[in-house]
Amino acid sequence: MTDEGGFDIGALVQQAQAMQEQMEAAQEKQAQLTLTGSAGGGKVTIEVSGAGDFRRVNIDRDAVDPDDVELLEELVLAALHDATSQISELQENSMGEIDLPDLGGLGGMLGES
């Protein structure tokens, strides 16, 4: 089905469906991965899935000093930041794997050049 300008709506729907399937496959693949955020030279590690589900925290005994709880708190926070930045990077890379369709004449219809 095409409109008067020759734009095929059916093709656009098919491309959108294909893109949706690619995104779902990328998300499933990403969710299977395990990332490890760390801090303090590995004294604090946090395991997280590629989907952002935090699974495990490991704190080395050497990192536990009752007289310096603030340092341990900072290490845990730094490991969390490391893990979440890895998730963000993974998501950005996954988006690069998705084939974006050529919108043909639609770009002009949307005011793009």
Protein backbone atom coordinates (compact mmCIF):
# COMPACT_ATOMS: atom_id res chain seq x y z
CA MET A 1 0.00 0.00 0.00
CA THR A 2 1.48 3.33 -1.05
CA ASP A 3 0.24 6.84 -0.58
CA GLU A 4 0.17 9.47 -3.31
CA GLY A 5 3.84 10.31 -2.78
CA GLY A 6 4.87 6.71 -3.37
CA PHE A 7 5.50 5.93 0.30
CA ASP A 8 4.82 2.28 1.19
CA ILE A 9 3.22 2.06 4.66
CA GLY A 10 3.31 -1.75 4.57
CA ALA A 11 7.07 -1.72 4.07
CA LEU A 12 7.47 0.71 6.95
CA VAL A 13 5.45 -1.56 9.23
CA GLN A 14 7.58 -4.56 8.21
CA GLN A 15 10.76 -2.59 8.88
CA ALA A 16 9.45 -1.50 12.28
CA GLN A 17 8.61 -5.10 13.17
CA ALA A 18 12.07 -6.28 12.09
CA MET A 19 13.66 -3.54 14.16
CA GLN A 20 11.52 -4.52 17.16
CA GLU A 21 12.64 -8.15 16.80
CA GLN A 22 16.29 -7.07 16.60
CA MET A 23 15.91 -4.95 19.72
CA GLU A 24 14.27 -7.80 21.65
CA ALA A 25 17.02 -10.22 20.57
CA ALA A 26 19.71 -7.73 21.62
CA GLN A 27 18.02 -7.24 25.01
CA GLU A 28 17.77 -11.01 25.58
CA LYS A 29 21.44 -11.47 24.64
CA GLN A 30 22.41 -8.59 26.92
CA ALA A 31 20.40 -9.98 29.86
CA GLN A 32 22.38 -13.24 29.67
CA LEU A 33 25.67 -11.44 30.31
CA THR A 34 27.20 -10.98 33.74
CA LEU A 35 29.21 -7.83 34.38
CA THR A 36 31.44 -7.18 37.36
CA GLY A 37 31.94 -3.70 38.77
CA SER A 38 34.93 -3.35 41.05
CA ALA A 39 36.73 -0.87 43.25
CA GLY A 40 39.75 -0.78 45.51
CA GLY A 41 41.79 -2.99 43.24
CA GLY A 42 39.11 -5.69 43.35
CA LYS A 43 38.57 -5.56 47.12
CA VAL A 44 34.89 -4.82 46.45
CA THR A 45 33.12 -6.41 43.49
CA ILE A 46 29.50 -6.34 42.40
CA GLU A 47 28.03 -8.74 39.87
CA VAL A 48 25.14 -7.53 37.75
CA SER A 49 23.32 -8.90 34.73
CA GLY A 50 23.33 -6.99 31.47
CA ALA A 51 19.69 -6.19 32.21
CA GLY A 52 20.66 -4.39 35.41
CA ASP A 53 19.74 -7.04 37.98
CA PHE A 54 22.30 -6.85 40.79
CA ARG A 55 23.19 -10.39 41.84
CA ARG A 56 26.09 -10.41 44.24
CA VAL A 57 28.35 -8.21 46.33
CA ASN A 58 31.74 -9.49 47.42
CA ILE A 59 33.84 -7.59 49.97
CA ASP A 60 37.38 -8.74 50.70
CA ARG A 61 38.11 -9.04 54.42
CA ASP A 62 41.03 -6.62 53.99
CA ALA A 63 38.56 -3.90 52.98
CA VAL A 64 36.68 -4.16 56.29
CA ASP A 65 38.12 -1.78 58.86
CA PRO A 66 35.71 -0.97 61.71
CA ASP A 67 37.55 2.29 62.24
CA ASP A 68 37.07 3.39 58.62
CA VAL A 69 33.53 2.46 57.59
CA GLU A 70 33.42 5.47 55.25
CA LEU A 71 36.14 3.95 53.05
CA LEU A 72 34.15 0.73 52.68
CA GLU A 73 31.03 2.73 51.81
CA GLU A 74 32.97 4.63 49.15
CA LEU A 75 34.35 1.38 47.70
CA VAL A 76 30.87 -0.16 47.46
CA LEU A 77 29.52 2.99 45.82
CA ALA A 78 32.44 3.08 43.37
CA ALA A 79 31.85 -0.58 42.45
CA LEU A 80 28.16 0.19 41.85
CA HIS A 81 29.09 3.10 39.59
CA ASP A 82 31.52 0.88 37.70
CA ALA A 83 28.86 -1.80 37.19
CA THR A 84 26.20 0.66 36.03
CA SER A 85 28.59 2.34 33.60
CA GLN A 86 29.33 -1.09 32.12
CA ILE A 87 25.60 -1.68 31.68
CA SER A 88 25.25 1.68 29.91
CA GLU A 89 28.17 0.90 27.62
CA LEU A 90 26.70 -2.52 26.83
CA GLN A 91 23.33 -0.95 25.99
CA GLU A 92 24.94 1.63 23.72
CA ASN A 93 26.91 -1.06 21.90
CA SER A 94 23.77 -3.19 21.52
CA MET A 95 21.94 -0.31 19.87
CA GLY A 96 24.74 -0.07 17.31
CA GLU A 97 24.00 -3.67 16.23
CA ILE A 98 20.42 -2.83 15.19
CA ASP A 99 19.91 -2.17 11.49
CA LEU A 100 17.94 1.02 11.14
CA PRO A 101 15.70 1.04 8.08
CA ASP A 102 16.06 3.42 5.17
CA LEU A 103 12.98 5.59 5.49
CA GLY A 104 13.05 6.62 1.85
CA GLY A 105 10.72 9.54 1.26
CA LEU A 106 9.57 9.63 4.87
CA GLY A 107 12.60 11.68 5.92
CA GLY A 108 11.46 14.47 3.60
CA MET A 109 7.92 14.19 4.90
CA LEU A 110 9.24 14.70 8.43
CA GLY A 111 11.21 17.77 7.45
CA GLU A 112 14.59 16.01 7.55
CA SER A 113 17.11 16.51 4.85
